[in-house]
Structures are given as structure tokens and as C-alpha cells.
Amino acid sequence: MPLSTILDLNLINAMNPQILLETLVTRMPFGKYKGTLISELPVFYLEWFASKGFPKGKLGTLLATVYEIKINGLDEILITLKKQYPSTD
């Protein structure tokens, strides 16, 4: 198994499944992307938060989780979850 696959699996295993599911149903509560699902925020917006600091609490956790997924090219995680839980759209 390639090292990159092992690292990806470790990242997936380290994530809290409930947090991943919450990124699919929680909407951004403010700003330019108010109302957008956290999982669908553009990476440049997440990068801005990363540079300024994620908000405290659950929202910050959700934003940071999606940021890590997207910057590491692991969008397939979110795509797969959306297919498994179609009612979350």
C-alpha cells in the first residue's frame, strides 16, 4: 500500500465521523457565504479563515475540518458521505 494511501487512511480514522456528517448539514451562519453548507464552502474562503483564525467552538471545528480535507485533496470523503446520506443535501 502506498504511503500516501496510509496517510489518507490515518487522517480518515482520526476524524470524528459525527463532525464529518455535521459539515454536510450545517450552514455558514454569517458572511459572504451565509446559508452555504460548510462542506461546500470554497477553499479560498477556508484559507482566509485559516490565516485569520477559525472561530471558537463547533463552527471553528467544522470549518477547520473541511479546510484540512480540501487542502489535502481528500474531497472524495465529502462526496462519498453525500452519496451515503443523500437526505443531508
N, C-alpha and C. Protein backbone atom coordinates (compact mmCIF):
# COMPACT_ATOMS: atom_id res chain seq x y z
N MET A 1 0.85 -1.18 0.00
CA MET A 1 0.00 0.00 0.00
C MET A 1 0.90 1.24 0.00
N PRO A 2 0.64 2.21 -0.91
CA PRO A 2 1.48 3.41 -0.96
C PRO A 2 1.35 4.23 0.32
N LEU A 3 2.43 4.93 0.65
CA LEU A 3 2.46 5.75 1.86
C LEU A 3 1.34 6.78 1.85
N SER A 4 1.07 7.39 0.70
CA SER A 4 0.01 8.40 0.63
C SER A 4 -1.34 7.81 1.01
N THR A 5 -1.60 6.57 0.62
CA THR A 5 -2.85 5.91 0.98
C THR A 5 -2.92 5.66 2.48
N ILE A 6 -1.82 5.24 3.07
CA ILE A 6 -1.77 5.01 4.51
C ILE A 6 -2.02 6.32 5.25
N LEU A 7 -1.39 7.41 4.80
CA LEU A 7 -1.61 8.69 5.44
C LEU A 7 -3.05 9.13 5.33
N ASP A 8 -3.66 8.95 4.15
CA ASP A 8 -5.06 9.30 3.95
C ASP A 8 -5.95 8.49 4.89
N LEU A 9 -5.68 7.20 5.01
CA LEU A 9 -6.47 6.36 5.90
C LEU A 9 -6.32 6.79 7.35
N ASN A 10 -5.11 7.17 7.75
CA ASN A 10 -4.90 7.64 9.11
C ASN A 10 -5.68 8.92 9.37
N LEU A 11 -5.72 9.83 8.39
CA LEU A 11 -6.47 11.06 8.54
C LEU A 11 -7.95 10.77 8.69
N ILE A 12 -8.46 9.86 7.86
CA ILE A 12 -9.88 9.50 7.94
C ILE A 12 -10.19 8.87 9.30
N ASN A 13 -9.35 7.96 9.76
CA ASN A 13 -9.58 7.30 11.03
C ASN A 13 -9.51 8.25 12.21
N ALA A 14 -8.70 9.29 12.09
CA ALA A 14 -8.54 10.24 13.18
C ALA A 14 -9.73 11.20 13.29
N MET A 15 -10.50 11.33 12.22
CA MET A 15 -11.62 12.26 12.23
C MET A 15 -12.82 11.67 12.95
N ASN A 16 -13.53 12.56 13.60
CA ASN A 16 -14.76 12.17 14.27
C ASN A 16 -15.87 12.08 13.21
N PRO A 17 -16.46 10.90 13.03
CA PRO A 17 -17.50 10.74 11.99
C PRO A 17 -18.67 11.71 12.17
N GLN A 18 -19.02 12.01 13.40
CA GLN A 18 -20.14 12.93 13.64
C GLN A 18 -19.81 14.33 13.12
N ILE A 19 -18.58 14.76 13.30
CA ILE A 19 -18.16 16.07 12.79
C ILE A 19 -18.26 16.09 11.27
N LEU A 20 -17.83 15.02 10.62
CA LEU A 20 -17.91 14.95 9.16
C LEU A 20 -19.37 15.08 8.70
N LEU A 21 -20.26 14.37 9.35
CA LEU A 21 -21.67 14.44 8.97
C LEU A 21 -22.24 15.83 9.22
N GLU A 22 -21.80 16.48 10.28
CA GLU A 22 -22.29 17.83 10.58
C GLU A 22 -21.85 18.84 9.52
N THR A 23 -20.70 18.60 8.89
CA THR A 23 -20.27 19.52 7.82
C THR A 23 -21.23 19.47 6.63
N LEU A 24 -21.98 18.37 6.51
CA LEU A 24 -22.92 18.20 5.39
C LEU A 24 -24.27 18.86 5.64
N VAL A 25 -24.59 19.18 6.88
CA VAL A 25 -25.91 19.74 7.20
C VAL A 25 -25.86 21.13 7.81
N THR A 26 -24.70 21.55 8.27
CA THR A 26 -24.58 22.85 8.93
C THR A 26 -24.29 23.92 7.88
N ARG A 27 -25.01 25.01 7.98
CA ARG A 27 -24.84 26.12 7.05
C ARG A 27 -24.03 27.24 7.70
N MET A 28 -23.28 27.93 6.88
CA MET A 28 -22.49 29.07 7.35
C MET A 28 -23.46 30.12 7.89
N PRO A 29 -23.28 30.53 9.15
CA PRO A 29 -24.26 31.42 9.77
C PRO A 29 -24.07 32.92 9.48
N PHE A 30 -22.98 33.30 8.81
CA PHE A 30 -22.73 34.72 8.58
C PHE A 30 -21.79 34.89 7.39
N GLY A 31 -21.63 36.14 6.99
CA GLY A 31 -20.65 36.49 5.96
C GLY A 31 -21.14 36.29 4.54
N LYS A 32 -20.21 36.42 3.62
CA LYS A 32 -20.49 36.33 2.19
C LYS A 32 -21.17 35.02 1.82
N TYR A 33 -20.83 33.95 2.51
CA TYR A 33 -21.37 32.63 2.18
C TYR A 33 -22.43 32.17 3.18
N LYS A 34 -23.09 33.13 3.83
CA LYS A 34 -24.17 32.81 4.76
C LYS A 34 -25.19 31.91 4.06
N GLY A 35 -25.54 30.80 4.71
CA GLY A 35 -26.51 29.86 4.17
C GLY A 35 -25.91 28.72 3.37
N THR A 36 -24.62 28.82 3.05
CA THR A 36 -23.94 27.77 2.29
C THR A 36 -23.54 26.64 3.24
N LEU A 37 -23.73 25.40 2.81
CA LEU A 37 -23.30 24.26 3.63
C LEU A 37 -21.80 24.37 3.87
N ILE A 38 -21.37 24.08 5.07
CA ILE A 38 -19.95 24.15 5.42
C ILE A 38 -19.12 23.30 4.46
N SER A 39 -19.62 22.13 4.11
CA SER A 39 -18.89 21.22 3.22
C SER A 39 -18.74 21.78 1.80
N GLU A 40 -19.52 22.79 1.45
CA GLU A 40 -19.49 23.34 0.09
C GLU A 40 -18.80 24.70 0.01
N LEU A 41 -18.22 25.15 1.10
CA LEU A 41 -17.51 26.44 1.07
C LEU A 41 -16.28 26.33 0.18
N PRO A 42 -15.98 27.39 -0.58
CA PRO A 42 -14.78 27.34 -1.43
C PRO A 42 -13.51 27.35 -0.60
N VAL A 43 -12.49 26.71 -1.12
CA VAL A 43 -11.24 26.55 -0.38
C VAL A 43 -10.60 27.91 -0.08
N PHE A 44 -10.72 28.89 -0.98
CA PHE A 44 -10.10 30.18 -0.71
C PHE A 44 -10.72 30.87 0.50
N TYR A 45 -12.01 30.64 0.73
CA TYR A 45 -12.68 31.19 1.90
C TYR A 45 -12.18 30.50 3.17
N LEU A 46 -11.99 29.20 3.09
CA LEU A 46 -11.44 28.44 4.22
C LEU A 46 -9.99 28.83 4.49
N GLU A 47 -9.24 29.10 3.43
CA GLU A 47 -7.85 29.54 3.58
C GLU A 47 -7.80 30.90 4.29
N TRP A 48 -8.74 31.76 3.99
CA TRP A 48 -8.80 33.06 4.65
C TRP A 48 -9.03 32.86 6.15
N PHE A 49 -9.97 31.99 6.51
CA PHE A 49 -10.21 31.69 7.93
C PHE A 49 -8.95 31.12 8.58
N ALA A 50 -8.27 30.24 7.87
CA ALA A 50 -7.06 29.62 8.42
C ALA A 50 -6.01 30.69 8.71
N SER A 51 -5.91 31.69 7.85
CA SER A 51 -4.90 32.74 8.06
C SER A 51 -5.30 33.71 9.17
N LYS A 52 -6.59 33.92 9.36
CA LYS A 52 -7.08 34.86 10.38
C LYS A 52 -7.40 34.17 11.70
N GLY A 53 -7.62 32.86 11.64
CA GLY A 53 -8.02 32.11 12.83
C GLY A 53 -9.46 31.66 12.71
N PHE A 54 -9.68 30.37 12.88
CA PHE A 54 -11.04 29.84 12.84
C PHE A 54 -11.79 30.30 14.08
N PRO A 55 -13.12 30.48 13.96
CA PRO A 55 -13.91 30.83 15.14
C PRO A 55 -13.80 29.75 16.21
N LYS A 56 -14.04 30.12 17.43
CA LYS A 56 -14.04 29.14 18.53
C LYS A 56 -15.31 28.30 18.46
N GLY A 57 -15.25 27.16 19.10
CA GLY A 57 -16.43 26.31 19.20
C GLY A 57 -16.64 25.40 18.02
N LYS A 58 -17.88 24.90 17.93
CA LYS A 58 -18.22 23.90 16.92
C LYS A 58 -18.03 24.43 15.50
N LEU A 59 -18.41 25.68 15.24
CA LEU A 59 -18.27 26.23 13.90
C LEU A 59 -16.81 26.20 13.47
N GLY A 60 -15.92 26.60 14.34
CA GLY A 60 -14.49 26.57 14.02
C GLY A 60 -14.00 25.17 13.74
N THR A 61 -14.48 24.21 14.51
CA THR A 61 -14.11 22.81 14.29
C THR A 61 -14.58 22.32 12.92
N LEU A 62 -15.80 22.67 12.56
CA LEU A 62 -16.34 22.26 11.27
C LEU A 62 -15.56 22.90 10.12
N LEU A 63 -15.29 24.19 10.23
CA LEU A 63 -14.54 24.89 9.19
C LEU A 63 -13.13 24.33 9.05
N ALA A 64 -12.47 24.10 10.18
CA ALA A 64 -11.10 23.56 10.15
C ALA A 64 -11.07 22.15 9.56
N THR A 65 -12.09 21.36 9.85
CA THR A 65 -12.16 20.00 9.31
C THR A 65 -12.29 20.03 7.80
N VAL A 66 -13.20 20.85 7.29
CA VAL A 66 -13.39 20.93 5.84
C VAL A 66 -12.14 21.53 5.19
N TYR A 67 -11.53 22.49 5.82
CA TYR A 67 -10.28 23.07 5.31
C TYR A 67 -9.21 21.99 5.14
N GLU A 68 -9.00 21.18 6.16
CA GLU A 68 -7.99 20.11 6.09
C GLU A 68 -8.32 19.10 5.00
N ILE A 69 -9.59 18.76 4.88
CA ILE A 69 -10.00 17.82 3.84
C ILE A 69 -9.68 18.39 2.46
N LYS A 70 -10.07 19.63 2.24
CA LYS A 70 -9.92 20.22 0.91
C LYS A 70 -8.47 20.52 0.55
N ILE A 71 -7.67 21.02 1.48
CA ILE A 71 -6.28 21.34 1.12
C ILE A 71 -5.43 20.10 0.93
N ASN A 72 -5.89 18.99 1.47
CA ASN A 72 -5.16 17.73 1.30
C ASN A 72 -5.72 16.89 0.16
N GLY A 73 -6.62 17.47 -0.63
CA GLY A 73 -7.15 16.77 -1.80
C GLY A 73 -8.02 15.58 -1.45
N LEU A 74 -8.68 15.63 -0.32
CA LEU A 74 -9.49 14.50 0.14
C LEU A 74 -10.99 14.76 -0.01
N ASP A 75 -11.34 15.57 -0.98
CA ASP A 75 -12.75 15.91 -1.21
C ASP A 75 -13.62 14.67 -1.40
N GLU A 76 -13.01 13.58 -1.83
CA GLU A 76 -13.75 12.33 -2.05
C GLU A 76 -14.45 11.88 -0.76
N ILE A 77 -13.90 12.22 0.39
CA ILE A 77 -14.54 11.88 1.67
C ILE A 77 -15.92 12.51 1.71
N LEU A 78 -16.00 13.80 1.42
CA LEU A 78 -17.27 14.51 1.47
C LEU A 78 -18.22 14.02 0.37
N ILE A 79 -17.69 13.76 -0.81
CA ILE A 79 -18.51 13.28 -1.92
C ILE A 79 -19.13 11.93 -1.57
N THR A 80 -18.32 11.04 -0.99
CA THR A 80 -18.82 9.71 -0.60
C THR A 80 -19.88 9.82 0.48
N LEU A 81 -19.66 10.66 1.47
CA LEU A 81 -20.65 10.83 2.53
C LEU A 81 -21.96 11.40 1.99
N LYS A 82 -21.86 12.35 1.07
CA LYS A 82 -23.08 12.91 0.47
C LYS A 82 -23.88 11.84 -0.25
N LYS A 83 -23.18 10.91 -0.90
CA LYS A 83 -23.87 9.81 -1.59
C LYS A 83 -24.50 8.84 -0.60
N GLN A 84 -23.82 8.60 0.52
CA GLN A 84 -24.33 7.67 1.53
C GLN A 84 -25.49 8.27 2.32
N TYR A 85 -25.49 9.59 2.45
CA TYR A 85 -26.52 10.29 3.23
C TYR A 85 -27.16 11.37 2.37
N PRO A 86 -27.88 10.96 1.32
CA PRO A 86 -28.42 11.94 0.37
C PRO A 86 -29.42 12.91 0.97
N SER A 87 -30.02 12.56 2.06
CA SER A 87 -31.02 13.44 2.68
C SER A 87 -30.38 14.66 3.33
N THR A 88 -29.04 14.70 3.39
CA THR A 88 -28.36 15.83 4.02
C THR A 88 -28.20 17.00 3.08
N ASP A 89 -28.53 16.85 1.80
CA ASP A 89 -28.34 17.96 0.85
C ASP A 89 -29.33 19.06 1.08
